[in-house]
Amino acid sequence: MLTLDKCYIISEIGVNHGGCVETAKKMIKASKEAGANAVKFQTFTAEALVSRKTPKVEYQKLTTNKDESHFDMIKSLEFKRDDHLPIISYCQSLDIDFISTPYDIESAHFLDKLGVDIFKTASADIVDLPLHEFLASTGKNVIISTGMATLGEIESVLNIYRRNNNNNVVLLHCVSNYPCKFDSLNLKVIQTLQHSFHVPIGYSDHAKGVYPAVISVALGAKVVEKHFTLDKDMIGPDHKASSTPKEFKALVEAIRTAEISLGSPVKQVQDEEVQMRLVSRKSLFVSKNIAKNTLICEDDLTLKRPGTGLSADLISKIVGTKALRTLKQGEMIQYGDFS
């Protein structure tokens, strides 16, 4: 089940398995070793998803056979129904969550019957309101990508979940390009979504490197998703924009370091600051010799390290009092030295 006590990190295997179960298992194992909380697949049939006249988008043209149609590309990447159960069992054996993106209601029904607890919807399907109606009715966790969407479209989808009393929703800020440019990320939208919809917000990362994901966590992202591959040179549309096991591990480590560094909003003296506080702060010292029973003036006092003595906020209380003993230049002044 989805727990958000710390950032929930999803390895988006997607279609990078190329329809091969053994490749999928290798990816799951590598994702687990890299520190992912979950792996995500895509459940669809080409016939239900695309018409035969659907064109490829630009990044698909650059990363796949130019003579292959969009339909044929999608057909070659299907995650077969019979392959789901052994893959789910394999995830359970490794203690890593299995998530899938259903691209139609029939696929969503299929995943629900398999006992899948967490669904993810693609950015493009934020307008597939019947699909969301079914997912909302399950009461299960649904992670909704919001790439290409307006705030109004997001509101319309969330209203479906509200009507179904399903509060197990996470929105992912996303820019739908592979890879996307840094200047189009607009990570501050994470805060806009937080303030607008009052549900957990995450980030689906299609950018290069680890910095955007780390920044997203600093802005409050509770979920981070990143495409995963064993090798960027593998055949398929998404490998070039995916992270290798080494890159994904670096991403996880960077996110965990960011979480530790963000810490608590409570301002307090840290344990490791105590010694520095005692040594480098200043205390009140005598700047010149002061005879006993002489009134202490402000210029008789100075501040020097260490900080183990009386602090500067006592100056006004000391000035004008009498020295109870002869004080020598360079001495740290103490309670009982004045009256």
C-alpha atoms as a PDB file:
ATOM      1  CA  MET A   1       0.000   0.000   0.000  1.00  0.00           C
ATOM      2  CA  LEU A   2       0.973   3.612  -0.560  1.00  0.00           C
ATOM      3  CA  THR A   3       2.615   5.189   2.478  1.00  0.00           C
ATOM      4  CA  LEU A   4       3.849   8.773   2.369  1.00  0.00           C
ATOM      5  CA  ASP A   5       5.758   9.146   5.634  1.00  0.00           C
ATOM      6  CA  LYS A   6       8.757   9.734   3.381  1.00  0.00           C
ATOM      7  CA  CYS A   7       9.046  10.294  -0.354  1.00  0.00           C
ATOM      8  CA  TYR A   8       7.612   7.308  -2.232  1.00  0.00           C
ATOM      9  CA  ILE A   9       9.924   6.597  -5.182  1.00  0.00           C
ATOM     10  CA  ILE A  10       8.564   4.823  -8.247  1.00  0.00           C
ATOM     11  CA  SER A  11      10.708   3.156 -10.879  1.00  0.00           C
ATOM     12  CA  GLU A  12       8.728   3.615 -14.089  1.00  0.00           C
ATOM     13  CA  ILE A  13       9.539   0.506 -16.086  1.00  0.00           C
ATOM     14  CA  GLY A  14       6.601   1.328 -18.333  1.00  0.00           C
ATOM     15  CA  VAL A  15       7.132  -0.424 -21.647  1.00  0.00           C
ATOM     16  CA  ASN A  16      10.908  -0.678 -21.348  1.00  0.00           C
ATOM     17  CA  HIS A  17      10.636  -4.434 -20.760  1.00  0.00           C
ATOM     18  CA  GLY A  18       9.807  -4.762 -24.464  1.00  0.00           C
ATOM     19  CA  GLY A  19       7.214  -7.432 -23.716  1.00  0.00           C
ATOM     20  CA  CYS A  20       9.796  -9.800 -22.187  1.00  0.00           C
ATOM     21  CA  VAL A  21       9.093 -11.213 -18.709  1.00  0.00           C
ATOM     22  CA  GLU A  22      12.734 -12.002 -17.995  1.00  0.00           C
ATOM     23  CA  THR A  23      13.761  -8.469 -18.893  1.00  0.00           C
ATOM     24  CA  ALA A  24      10.980  -7.167 -16.649  1.00  0.00           C
ATOM     25  CA  LYS A  25      12.256  -9.266 -13.743  1.00  0.00           C
ATOM     26  CA  LYS A  26      15.792  -7.973 -14.228  1.00  0.00           C
ATOM     27  CA  MET A  27      14.422  -4.425 -14.145  1.00  0.00           C
ATOM     28  CA  ILE A  28      12.413  -5.104 -10.989  1.00  0.00           C
ATOM     29  CA  LYS A  29      15.439  -6.557  -9.221  1.00  0.00           C
ATOM     30  CA  ALA A  30      17.664  -3.667 -10.326  1.00  0.00           C
ATOM     31  CA  SER A  31      15.005  -1.155  -9.223  1.00  0.00           C
ATOM     32  CA  LYS A  32      14.819  -2.730  -5.789  1.00  0.00           C
ATOM     33  CA  GLU A  33      18.617  -2.684  -5.454  1.00  0.00           C
ATOM     34  CA  ALA A  34      18.629   0.992  -6.482  1.00  0.00           C
ATOM     35  CA  GLY A  35      16.214   1.841  -3.655  1.00  0.00           C
ATOM     36  CA  ALA A  36      12.831   2.160  -5.374  1.00  0.00           C
ATOM     37  CA  ASN A  37       9.670   1.679  -3.297  1.00  0.00           C
ATOM     38  CA  ALA A  38       7.684   0.533  -6.307  1.00  0.00           C
ATOM     39  CA  VAL A  39       7.902  -0.462  -9.946  1.00  0.00           C
ATOM     40  CA  LYS A  40       5.297   0.681 -12.426  1.00  0.00           C
ATOM     41  CA  PHE A  41       4.120  -1.043 -15.585  1.00  0.00           C
ATOM     42  CA  GLN A  42       1.515  -0.201 -18.227  1.00  0.00           C
ATOM     43  CA  THR A  43      -1.504  -2.398 -18.903  1.00  0.00           C
ATOM     44  CA  PHE A  44      -3.180  -2.064 -22.309  1.00  0.00           C
ATOM     45  CA  THR A  45      -3.923  -3.698 -25.613  1.00  0.00           C
ATOM     46  CA  ALA A  46      -2.908  -1.885 -28.763  1.00  0.00           C
ATOM     47  CA  GLU A  47      -6.367  -2.440 -30.273  1.00  0.00           C
ATOM     48  CA  ALA A  48      -8.088  -0.700 -27.364  1.00  0.00           C
ATOM     49  CA  LEU A  49      -5.554   2.109 -27.044  1.00  0.00           C
ATOM     50  CA  VAL A  50      -4.811   3.463 -30.526  1.00  0.00           C
ATOM     51  CA  SER A  51      -6.298   3.629 -33.962  1.00  0.00           C
ATOM     52  CA  ARG A  52      -4.136   2.419 -36.820  1.00  0.00           C
ATOM     53  CA  LYS A  53      -3.843   5.956 -38.180  1.00  0.00           C
ATOM     54  CA  THR A  54      -2.366   7.411 -34.967  1.00  0.00           C
ATOM     55  CA  PRO A  55       0.955   9.141 -35.769  1.00  0.00           C
ATOM     56  CA  LYS A  56       4.078   8.931 -33.657  1.00  0.00           C
ATOM     57  CA  VAL A  57       5.178  11.974 -31.664  1.00  0.00           C
ATOM     58  CA  GLU A  58       8.597  13.451 -32.353  1.00  0.00           C
ATOM     59  CA  TYR A  59      10.570  11.675 -29.621  1.00  0.00           C
ATOM     60  CA  GLN A  60       9.117   8.331 -30.750  1.00  0.00           C
ATOM     61  CA  LYS A  61      10.199   9.031 -34.317  1.00  0.00           C
ATOM     62  CA  LEU A  62      13.743   9.630 -33.080  1.00  0.00           C
ATOM     63  CA  THR A  63      13.939   6.511 -30.880  1.00  0.00           C
ATOM     64  CA  THR A  64      12.112   3.845 -32.909  1.00  0.00           C
ATOM     65  CA  ASN A  65      12.076   2.366 -36.408  1.00  0.00           C
ATOM     66  CA  LYS A  66      10.835   5.070 -38.758  1.00  0.00           C
ATOM     67  CA  ASP A  67       9.079   2.464 -40.897  1.00  0.00           C
ATOM     68  CA  GLU A  68       7.101   1.161 -37.922  1.00  0.00           C
ATOM     69  CA  SER A  69       3.632   2.624 -37.308  1.00  0.00           C
ATOM     70  CA  HIS A  70       2.479   3.946 -33.940  1.00  0.00           C
ATOM     71  CA  PHE A  71       0.091   0.993 -33.696  1.00  0.00           C
ATOM     72  CA  ASP A  72       2.807  -1.561 -34.429  1.00  0.00           C
ATOM     73  CA  MET A  73       5.122   0.104 -31.900  1.00  0.00           C
ATOM     74  CA  ILE A  74       2.454  -0.080 -29.191  1.00  0.00           C
ATOM     75  CA  LYS A  75       1.587  -3.673 -30.151  1.00  0.00           C
ATOM     76  CA  SER A  76       5.205  -4.758 -29.696  1.00  0.00           C
ATOM     77  CA  LEU A  77       5.285  -3.214 -26.209  1.00  0.00           C
ATOM     78  CA  GLU A  78       2.176  -4.854 -24.738  1.00  0.00           C
ATOM     79  CA  PHE A  79       2.488  -6.345 -21.276  1.00  0.00           C
ATOM     80  CA  LYS A  80       0.501  -9.525 -21.817  1.00  0.00           C
ATOM     81  CA  ARG A  81      -2.331 -10.394 -19.429  1.00  0.00           C
ATOM     82  CA  ASP A  82      -0.784 -13.777 -18.569  1.00  0.00           C
ATOM     83  CA  ASP A  83       2.476 -12.079 -17.594  1.00  0.00           C
ATOM     84  CA  HIS A  84       0.954  -9.909 -14.862  1.00  0.00           C
ATOM     85  CA  LEU A  85       0.492 -12.485 -12.117  1.00  0.00           C
ATOM     86  CA  PRO A  86       4.055 -13.909 -12.189  1.00  0.00           C
ATOM     87  CA  ILE A  87       5.436 -10.372 -12.241  1.00  0.00           C
ATOM     88  CA  ILE A  88       3.237  -9.348  -9.283  1.00  0.00           C
ATOM     89  CA  SER A  89       4.405 -12.470  -7.402  1.00  0.00           C
ATOM     90  CA  TYR A  90       8.013 -11.621  -8.201  1.00  0.00           C
ATOM     91  CA  CYS A  91       7.524  -8.097  -6.818  1.00  0.00           C
ATOM     92  CA  GLN A  92       6.043  -9.554  -3.641  1.00  0.00           C
ATOM     93  CA  SER A  93       9.048 -11.854  -3.245  1.00  0.00           C
ATOM     94  CA  LEU A  94      11.346  -8.802  -3.395  1.00  0.00           C
ATOM     95  CA  ASP A  95       9.104  -6.653  -1.159  1.00  0.00           C
ATOM     96  CA  ILE A  96       8.627  -3.951  -3.771  1.00  0.00           C
ATOM     97  CA  ASP A  97       5.194  -2.567  -4.685  1.00  0.00           C
ATOM     98  CA  PHE A  98       3.661  -3.344  -8.070  1.00  0.00           C
ATOM     99  CA  ILE A  99       1.806  -0.499  -9.785  1.00  0.00           C
ATOM    100  CA  SER A 100       0.387  -0.364 -13.277  1.00  0.00           C
ATOM    101  CA  THR A 101      -1.234   2.226 -15.508  1.00  0.00           C
ATOM    102  CA  PRO A 102      -4.468   0.953 -17.040  1.00  0.00           C
ATOM    103  CA  TYR A 103      -5.218   2.688 -20.328  1.00  0.00           C
ATOM    104  CA  ASP A 104      -8.858   1.593 -20.494  1.00  0.00           C
ATOM    105  CA  ILE A 105     -11.637   0.399 -18.195  1.00  0.00           C
ATOM    106  CA  GLU A 106     -11.218  -3.252 -19.184  1.00  0.00           C
ATOM    107  CA  SER A 107      -7.538  -3.125 -18.195  1.00  0.00           C
ATOM    108  CA  ALA A 108      -8.460  -1.397 -14.933  1.00  0.00           C
ATOM    109  CA  HIS A 109     -11.006  -4.157 -14.182  1.00  0.00           C
ATOM    110  CA  PHE A 110      -8.327  -6.744 -14.883  1.00  0.00           C
ATOM    111  CA  LEU A 111      -5.821  -5.124 -12.500  1.00  0.00           C
ATOM    112  CA  ASP A 112      -8.468  -4.695  -9.811  1.00  0.00           C
ATOM    113  CA  LYS A 113      -9.350  -8.401  -9.969  1.00  0.00           C
ATOM    114  CA  LEU A 114      -5.653  -9.257  -9.592  1.00  0.00           C
ATOM    115  CA  GLY A 115      -5.688  -7.359  -6.295  1.00  0.00           C
ATOM    116  CA  VAL A 116      -3.525  -4.442  -7.427  1.00  0.00           C
ATOM    117  CA  ASP A 117      -3.739  -1.790  -4.670  1.00  0.00           C
ATOM    118  CA  ILE A 118      -2.234   1.211  -6.448  1.00  0.00           C
ATOM    119  CA  PHE A 119      -3.186   2.501  -9.868  1.00  0.00           C
ATOM    120  CA  LYS A 120      -1.425   5.220 -11.841  1.00  0.00           C
ATOM    121  CA  THR A 121      -3.055   7.147 -14.656  1.00  0.00           C
ATOM    122  CA  ALA A 122      -1.194   8.674 -17.563  1.00  0.00           C
ATOM    123  CA  SER A 123      -1.220  12.415 -18.135  1.00  0.00           C
ATOM    124  CA  ALA A 124      -2.979  11.933 -21.465  1.00  0.00           C
ATOM    125  CA  ASP A 125      -5.838  10.126 -19.714  1.00  0.00           C
ATOM    126  CA  ILE A 126      -6.828  12.951 -17.384  1.00  0.00           C
ATOM    127  CA  VAL A 127      -9.635  13.492 -19.917  1.00  0.00           C
ATOM    128  CA  ASP A 128     -10.727   9.829 -19.822  1.00  0.00           C
ATOM    129  CA  LEU A 129     -13.424  10.539 -17.265  1.00  0.00           C
ATOM    130  CA  PRO A 130     -15.092   7.086 -17.496  1.00  0.00           C
ATOM    131  CA  LEU A 131     -11.748   5.468 -16.623  1.00  0.00           C
ATOM    132  CA  HIS A 132     -11.402   7.741 -13.590  1.00  0.00           C
ATOM    133  CA  GLU A 133     -14.997   7.033 -12.606  1.00  0.00           C
ATOM    134  CA  PHE A 134     -14.204   3.331 -12.378  1.00  0.00           C
ATOM    135  CA  LEU A 135     -10.881   3.833 -10.560  1.00  0.00           C
ATOM    136  CA  ALA A 136     -12.530   6.165  -8.075  1.00  0.00           C
ATOM    137  CA  SER A 137     -15.231   3.552  -7.390  1.00  0.00           C
ATOM    138  CA  THR A 138     -12.625   0.995  -6.265  1.00  0.00           C
ATOM    139  CA  GLY A 139     -11.642   3.122  -3.264  1.00  0.00           C
ATOM    140  CA  LYS A 140      -8.021   2.214  -3.948  1.00  0.00           C
ATOM    141  CA  ASN A 141      -4.979   4.471  -4.272  1.00  0.00           C
ATOM    142  CA  VAL A 142      -4.815   6.358  -7.560  1.00  0.00           C
ATOM    143  CA  ILE A 143      -1.819   8.428  -8.638  1.00  0.00           C
ATOM    144  CA  ILE A 144      -2.813  10.924 -11.319  1.00  0.00           C
ATOM    145  CA  SER A 145      -0.265  12.538 -13.625  1.00  0.00           C
ATOM    146  CA  THR A 146      -1.200  16.064 -14.674  1.00  0.00           C
ATOM    147  CA  GLY A 147       1.046  16.730 -17.668  1.00  0.00           C
ATOM    148  CA  MET A 148      -0.658  18.821 -20.390  1.00  0.00           C
ATOM    149  CA  ALA A 149      -3.593  19.506 -18.040  1.00  0.00           C
ATOM    150  CA  THR A 150      -5.211  22.762 -16.983  1.00  0.00           C
ATOM    151  CA  LEU A 151      -6.272  23.435 -13.396  1.00  0.00           C
ATOM    152  CA  GLY A 152      -9.872  23.148 -14.547  1.00  0.00           C
ATOM    153  CA  GLU A 153      -9.288  19.670 -15.974  1.00  0.00           C
ATOM    154  CA  ILE A 154      -7.593  18.580 -12.760  1.00  0.00           C
ATOM    155  CA  GLU A 155     -10.526  19.924 -10.742  1.00  0.00           C
ATOM    156  CA  SER A 156     -12.981  17.983 -12.916  1.00  0.00           C
ATOM    157  CA  VAL A 157     -11.127  14.720 -12.320  1.00  0.00           C
ATOM    158  CA  LEU A 158     -10.825  15.293  -8.582  1.00  0.00           C
ATOM    159  CA  ASN A 159     -14.554  15.946  -8.391  1.00  0.00           C
ATOM    160  CA  ILE A 160     -15.093  12.365  -9.607  1.00  0.00           C
ATOM    161  CA  TYR A 161     -13.046  11.024  -6.704  1.00  0.00           C
ATOM    162  CA  ARG A 162     -14.822  13.311  -4.246  1.00  0.00           C
ATOM    163  CA  ARG A 163     -18.229  12.093  -5.429  1.00  0.00           C
ATOM    164  CA  ASN A 164     -17.038   8.527  -4.877  1.00  0.00           C
ATOM    165  CA  ASN A 165     -15.655   9.391  -1.411  1.00  0.00           C
ATOM    166  CA  ASN A 166     -12.232   8.224  -2.529  1.00  0.00           C
ATOM    167  CA  ASN A 167      -9.617  10.295  -0.716  1.00  0.00           C
ATOM    168  CA  ASN A 168      -6.703   8.053  -1.719  1.00  0.00           C
ATOM    169  CA  VAL A 169      -5.526  10.346  -4.498  1.00  0.00           C
ATOM    170  CA  VAL A 170      -2.093  11.767  -5.312  1.00  0.00           C
ATOM    171  CA  LEU A 171      -1.481  14.313  -8.068  1.00  0.00           C
ATOM    172  CA  LEU A 172       1.836  14.287  -9.909  1.00  0.00           C
ATOM    173  CA  HIS A 173       3.141  17.464 -11.466  1.00  0.00           C
ATOM    174  CA  CYS A 174       4.506  16.479 -14.861  1.00  0.00           C
ATOM    175  CA  VAL A 175       5.748  17.946 -18.132  1.00  0.00           C
ATOM    176  CA  SER A 176       4.869  15.569 -20.970  1.00  0.00           C
ATOM    177  CA  ASN A 177       7.985  15.450 -23.077  1.00  0.00           C
ATOM    178  CA  TYR A 178      10.861  12.938 -23.092  1.00  0.00           C
ATOM    179  CA  PRO A 179      13.179  14.435 -21.995  1.00  0.00           C
ATOM    180  CA  CYS A 180      11.734  17.834 -21.106  1.00  0.00           C
ATOM    181  CA  LYS A 181      13.688  21.079 -20.872  1.00  0.00           C
ATOM    182  CA  PHE A 182      14.639  22.518 -17.498  1.00  0.00           C
ATOM    183  CA  ASP A 183      13.036  25.855 -18.326  1.00  0.00           C
ATOM    184  CA  SER A 184       9.661  24.169 -18.873  1.00  0.00           C
ATOM    185  CA  LEU A 185       9.631  22.225 -15.589  1.00  0.00           C
ATOM    186  CA  ASN A 186       8.029  25.008 -13.523  1.00  0.00           C
ATOM    187  CA  LEU A 187       8.460  23.040 -10.323  1.00  0.00           C
ATOM    188  CA  LYS A 188       6.728  25.781  -8.359  1.00  0.00           C
ATOM    189  CA  VAL A 189       3.512  24.334  -9.798  1.00  0.00           C
ATOM    190  CA  ILE A 190       3.882  21.681  -7.076  1.00  0.00           C
ATOM    191  CA  GLN A 191       2.989  24.358  -4.538  1.00  0.00           C
ATOM    192  CA  THR A 192       0.181  25.653  -6.746  1.00  0.00           C
ATOM    193  CA  LEU A 193      -1.345  22.173  -6.800  1.00  0.00           C
ATOM    194  CA  GLN A 194      -0.928  21.861  -3.022  1.00  0.00           C
ATOM    195  CA  HIS A 195      -2.706  25.144  -2.370  1.00  0.00           C
ATOM    196  CA  SER A 196      -5.412  24.499  -4.961  1.00  0.00           C
ATOM    197  CA  PHE A 197      -6.436  20.934  -4.226  1.00  0.00           C
ATOM    198  CA  HIS A 198      -5.245  19.949  -0.719  1.00  0.00           C
ATOM    199  CA  VAL A 199      -4.186  16.424  -1.672  1.00  0.00           C
ATOM    200  CA  PRO A 200      -0.678  14.903  -1.626  1.00  0.00           C
ATOM    201  CA  ILE A 201       1.404  16.146  -4.557  1.00  0.00           C
ATOM    202  CA  GLY A 202       4.297  14.403  -6.273  1.00  0.00           C
ATOM    203  CA  TYR A 203       6.439  14.785  -9.366  1.00  0.00           C
ATOM    204  CA  SER A 204       6.793  12.637 -12.467  1.00  0.00           C
ATOM    205  CA  ASP A 205      10.322  13.399 -13.648  1.00  0.00           C
ATOM    206  CA  HIS A 206      11.109  13.421 -17.357  1.00  0.00           C
ATOM    207  CA  ALA A 207      14.155  15.694 -17.042  1.00  0.00           C
ATOM    208  CA  LYS A 208      17.811  14.736 -17.061  1.00  0.00           C
ATOM    209  CA  GLY A 209      19.820  14.382 -13.854  1.00  0.00           C
ATOM    210  CA  VAL A 210      18.782  14.332 -10.195  1.00  0.00           C
ATOM    211  CA  TYR A 211      18.336  18.039  -9.454  1.00  0.00           C
ATOM    212  CA  PRO A 212      14.680  18.484 -10.504  1.00  0.00           C
ATOM    213  CA  ALA A 213      13.554  15.531  -8.365  1.00  0.00           C
ATOM    214  CA  VAL A 214      15.520  16.800  -5.357  1.00  0.00           C
ATOM    215  CA  ILE A 215      14.042  20.283  -5.788  1.00  0.00           C
ATOM    216  CA  SER A 216      10.563  18.755  -6.035  1.00  0.00           C
ATOM    217  CA  VAL A 217      11.058  17.090  -2.649  1.00  0.00           C
ATOM    218  CA  ALA A 218      12.159  20.416  -1.163  1.00  0.00           C
ATOM    219  CA  LEU A 219       8.931  21.917  -2.523  1.00  0.00           C
ATOM    220  CA  GLY A 220       6.876  19.208  -0.845  1.00  0.00           C
ATOM    221  CA  ALA A 221       6.632  16.326  -3.324  1.00  0.00           C
ATOM    222  CA  LYS A 222       5.519  13.141  -1.558  1.00  0.00           C
ATOM    223  CA  VAL A 223       5.978  10.876  -4.605  1.00  0.00           C
ATOM    224  CA  VAL A 224       8.678  10.892  -7.278  1.00  0.00           C
ATOM    225  CA  GLU A 225       8.451   8.794 -10.430  1.00  0.00           C
ATOM    226  CA  LYS A 226      11.308   8.308 -12.898  1.00  0.00           C
ATOM    227  CA  HIS A 227      11.622   6.148 -16.010  1.00  0.00           C
ATOM    228  CA  PHE A 228      13.979   3.188 -15.604  1.00  0.00           C
ATOM    229  CA  THR A 229      16.046   1.155 -18.049  1.00  0.00           C
ATOM    230  CA  LEU A 230      18.844  -1.368 -17.883  1.00  0.00           C
ATOM    231  CA  ASP A 231      20.557   0.239 -20.871  1.00  0.00           C
ATOM    232  CA  LYS A 232      19.743   3.430 -22.774  1.00  0.00           C
ATOM    233  CA  ASP A 233      20.652   1.678 -26.034  1.00  0.00           C
ATOM    234  CA  MET A 234      17.916  -0.949 -25.683  1.00  0.00           C
ATOM    235  CA  ILE A 235      15.236  -0.951 -28.369  1.00  0.00           C
ATOM    236  CA  GLY A 236      12.139   1.065 -27.529  1.00  0.00           C
ATOM    237  CA  PRO A 237      10.814   4.647 -27.410  1.00  0.00           C
ATOM    238  CA  ASP A 238      11.535   5.483 -23.766  1.00  0.00           C
ATOM    239  CA  HIS A 239      15.018   4.117 -23.047  1.00  0.00           C
ATOM    240  CA  LYS A 240      16.939   7.257 -24.033  1.00  0.00           C
ATOM    241  CA  ALA A 241      15.005   9.363 -21.520  1.00  0.00           C
ATOM    242  CA  SER A 242      15.213   6.756 -18.737  1.00  0.00           C
ATOM    243  CA  SER A 243      17.632   6.333 -15.844  1.00  0.00           C
ATOM    244  CA  THR A 244      20.073   3.441 -15.677  1.00  0.00           C
ATOM    245  CA  PRO A 245      20.360   1.514 -12.393  1.00  0.00           C
ATOM    246  CA  LYS A 246      23.389   3.608 -11.447  1.00  0.00           C
ATOM    247  CA  GLU A 247      21.580   6.870 -12.243  1.00  0.00           C
ATOM    248  CA  PHE A 248      18.423   5.763 -10.434  1.00  0.00           C
ATOM    249  CA  LYS A 249      20.406   4.816  -7.330  1.00  0.00           C
ATOM    250  CA  ALA A 250      22.015   8.263  -7.370  1.00  0.00           C
ATOM    251  CA  LEU A 251      18.535   9.778  -7.645  1.00  0.00           C
ATOM    252  CA  VAL A 252      17.270   7.804  -4.646  1.00  0.00           C
ATOM    253  CA  GLU A 253      20.324   8.709  -2.568  1.00  0.00           C
ATOM    254  CA  ALA A 254      19.941  12.387  -3.469  1.00  0.00           C
ATOM    255  CA  ILE A 255      16.261  12.375  -2.486  1.00  0.00           C
ATOM    256  CA  ARG A 256      16.957  10.632   0.824  1.00  0.00           C
ATOM    257  CA  THR A 257      19.745  13.126   1.567  1.00  0.00           C
ATOM    258  CA  ALA A 258      17.367  15.979   0.737  1.00  0.00           C
ATOM    259  CA  GLU A 259      14.744  14.574   3.125  1.00  0.00           C
ATOM    260  CA  ILE A 260      17.267  14.297   5.947  1.00  0.00           C
ATOM    261  CA  SER A 261      18.554  17.789   5.215  1.00  0.00           C
ATOM    262  CA  LEU A 262      15.066  19.313   5.189  1.00  0.00           C
ATOM    263  CA  GLY A 263      14.513  17.937   8.687  1.00  0.00           C
ATOM    264  CA  SER A 264      12.162  19.815  10.996  1.00  0.00           C
ATOM    265  CA  PRO A 265      10.726  23.340  10.702  1.00  0.00           C
ATOM    266  CA  VAL A 266      11.403  23.853  14.409  1.00  0.00           C
ATOM    267  CA  LYS A 267      14.380  26.182  14.973  1.00  0.00           C
ATOM    268  CA  GLN A 268      16.477  24.808  17.818  1.00  0.00           C
ATOM    269  CA  VAL A 269      20.100  24.354  18.857  1.00  0.00           C
ATOM    270  CA  GLN A 270      21.359  21.104  17.353  1.00  0.00           C
ATOM    271  CA  ASP A 271      23.441  18.684  19.392  1.00  0.00           C
ATOM    272  CA  GLU A 272      26.395  19.176  17.087  1.00  0.00           C
ATOM    273  CA  GLU A 273      26.211  22.959  17.638  1.00  0.00           C
ATOM    274  CA  VAL A 274      26.590  22.840  21.422  1.00  0.00           C
ATOM    275  CA  GLN A 275      30.387  22.794  21.544  1.00  0.00           C
ATOM    276  CA  MET A 276      30.663  25.484  18.868  1.00  0.00           C
ATOM    277  CA  ARG A 277      28.128  27.602  20.765  1.00  0.00           C
ATOM    278  CA  LEU A 278      30.186  27.400  23.981  1.00  0.00           C
ATOM    279  CA  VAL A 279      33.498  28.148  22.252  1.00  0.00           C
ATOM    280  CA  SER A 280      32.679  30.686  19.558  1.00  0.00           C
ATOM    281  CA  ARG A 281      30.052  32.807  21.296  1.00  0.00           C
ATOM    282  CA  LYS A 282      31.272  35.688  23.458  1.00  0.00           C
ATOM    283  CA  SER A 283      31.082  36.406  27.174  1.00  0.00           C
ATOM    284  CA  LEU A 284      31.641  39.551  29.230  1.00  0.00           C
ATOM    285  CA  PHE A 285      35.247  40.299  30.228  1.00  0.00           C
ATOM    286  CA  VAL A 286      36.881  43.165  32.105  1.00  0.00           C
ATOM    287  CA  SER A 287      38.609  45.542  29.674  1.00  0.00           C
ATOM    288  CA  LYS A 288      40.677  47.392  32.335  1.00  0.00           C
ATOM    289  CA  ASN A 289      41.502  47.052  36.019  1.00  0.00           C
ATOM    290  CA  ILE A 290      38.566  47.953  38.283  1.00  0.00           C
ATOM    291  CA  ALA A 291      39.175  48.668  41.963  1.00  0.00           C
ATOM    292  CA  LYS A 292      36.885  47.194  44.589  1.00  0.00           C
ATOM    293  CA  ASN A 293      33.781  49.343  45.340  1.00  0.00           C
ATOM    294  CA  THR A 294      34.254  51.289  42.082  1.00  0.00           C
ATOM    295  CA  LEU A 295      31.203  51.828  39.898  1.00  0.00           C
ATOM    296  CA  ILE A 296      31.425  49.751  36.773  1.00  0.00           C
ATOM    297  CA  CYS A 297      31.174  51.734  33.504  1.00  0.00           C
ATOM    298  CA  GLU A 298      30.230  50.392  30.080  1.00  0.00           C
ATOM    299  CA  ASP A 299      33.754  50.864  28.742  1.00  0.00           C
ATOM    300  CA  ASP A 300      35.075  48.701  31.628  1.00  0.00           C
ATOM    301  CA  LEU A 301      33.492  45.715  29.837  1.00  0.00           C
ATOM    302  CA  THR A 302      34.220  43.932  26.578  1.00  0.00           C
ATOM    303  CA  LEU A 303      33.053  40.784  24.814  1.00  0.00           C
ATOM    304  CA  LYS A 304      35.419  37.902  24.047  1.00  0.00           C
ATOM    305  CA  ARG A 305      35.327  34.173  23.442  1.00  0.00           C
ATOM    306  CA  PRO A 306      34.467  31.669  24.863  1.00  0.00           C
ATOM    307  CA  GLY A 307      30.735  31.828  25.438  1.00  0.00           C
ATOM    308  CA  THR A 308      30.734  30.062  28.799  1.00  0.00           C
ATOM    309  CA  GLY A 309      30.251  33.229  30.855  1.00  0.00           C
ATOM    310  CA  LEU A 310      27.757  36.049  31.144  1.00  0.00           C
ATOM    311  CA  SER A 311      26.173  37.250  27.909  1.00  0.00           C
ATOM    312  CA  ALA A 312      25.861  40.737  26.418  1.00  0.00           C
ATOM    313  CA  ASP A 313      22.205  41.109  27.424  1.00  0.00           C
ATOM    314  CA  LEU A 314      23.428  41.652  31.036  1.00  0.00           C
ATOM    315  CA  ILE A 315      25.509  44.745  30.216  1.00  0.00           C
ATOM    316  CA  SER A 316      22.732  47.164  31.153  1.00  0.00           C
ATOM    317  CA  LYS A 317      22.230  45.388  34.498  1.00  0.00           C
ATOM    318  CA  ILE A 318      25.959  45.449  35.364  1.00  0.00           C
ATOM    319  CA  VAL A 319      26.755  49.032  34.354  1.00  0.00           C
ATOM    320  CA  GLY A 320      26.318  51.331  37.382  1.00  0.00           C
ATOM    321  CA  THR A 321      26.805  48.580  39.975  1.00  0.00           C
ATOM    322  CA  LYS A 322      29.806  48.352  42.314  1.00  0.00           C
ATOM    323  CA  ALA A 323      32.658  45.916  41.899  1.00  0.00           C
ATOM    324  CA  LEU A 324      32.594  43.616  44.937  1.00  0.00           C
ATOM    325  CA  ARG A 325      36.282  42.791  44.464  1.00  0.00           C
ATOM    326  CA  THR A 326      39.226  44.110  42.520  1.00  0.00           C
ATOM    327  CA  LEU A 327      38.772  43.011  38.905  1.00  0.00           C
ATOM    328  CA  LYS A 328      41.787  42.677  36.687  1.00  0.00           C
ATOM    329  CA  GLN A 329      41.946  43.405  32.980  1.00  0.00           C
ATOM    330  CA  GLY A 330      41.221  40.260  30.941  1.00  0.00           C
ATOM    331  CA  GLU A 331      39.176  38.505  33.643  1.00  0.00           C
ATOM    332  CA  MET A 332      35.816  36.945  32.761  1.00  0.00           C
ATOM    333  CA  ILE A 333      33.243  38.707  34.907  1.00  0.00           C
ATOM    334  CA  GLN A 334      30.991  36.454  37.021  1.00  0.00           C
ATOM    335  CA  TYR A 335      27.805  36.754  39.036  1.00  0.00           C
ATOM    336  CA  GLY A 336      28.995  37.873  42.470  1.00  0.00           C
ATOM    337  CA  ASP A 337      31.604  40.277  41.032  1.00  0.00           C
ATOM    338  CA  PHE A 338      29.086  43.139  41.126  1.00  0.00           C
ATOM    339  CA  SER A 339      26.128  44.280  43.198  1.00  0.00           C
END
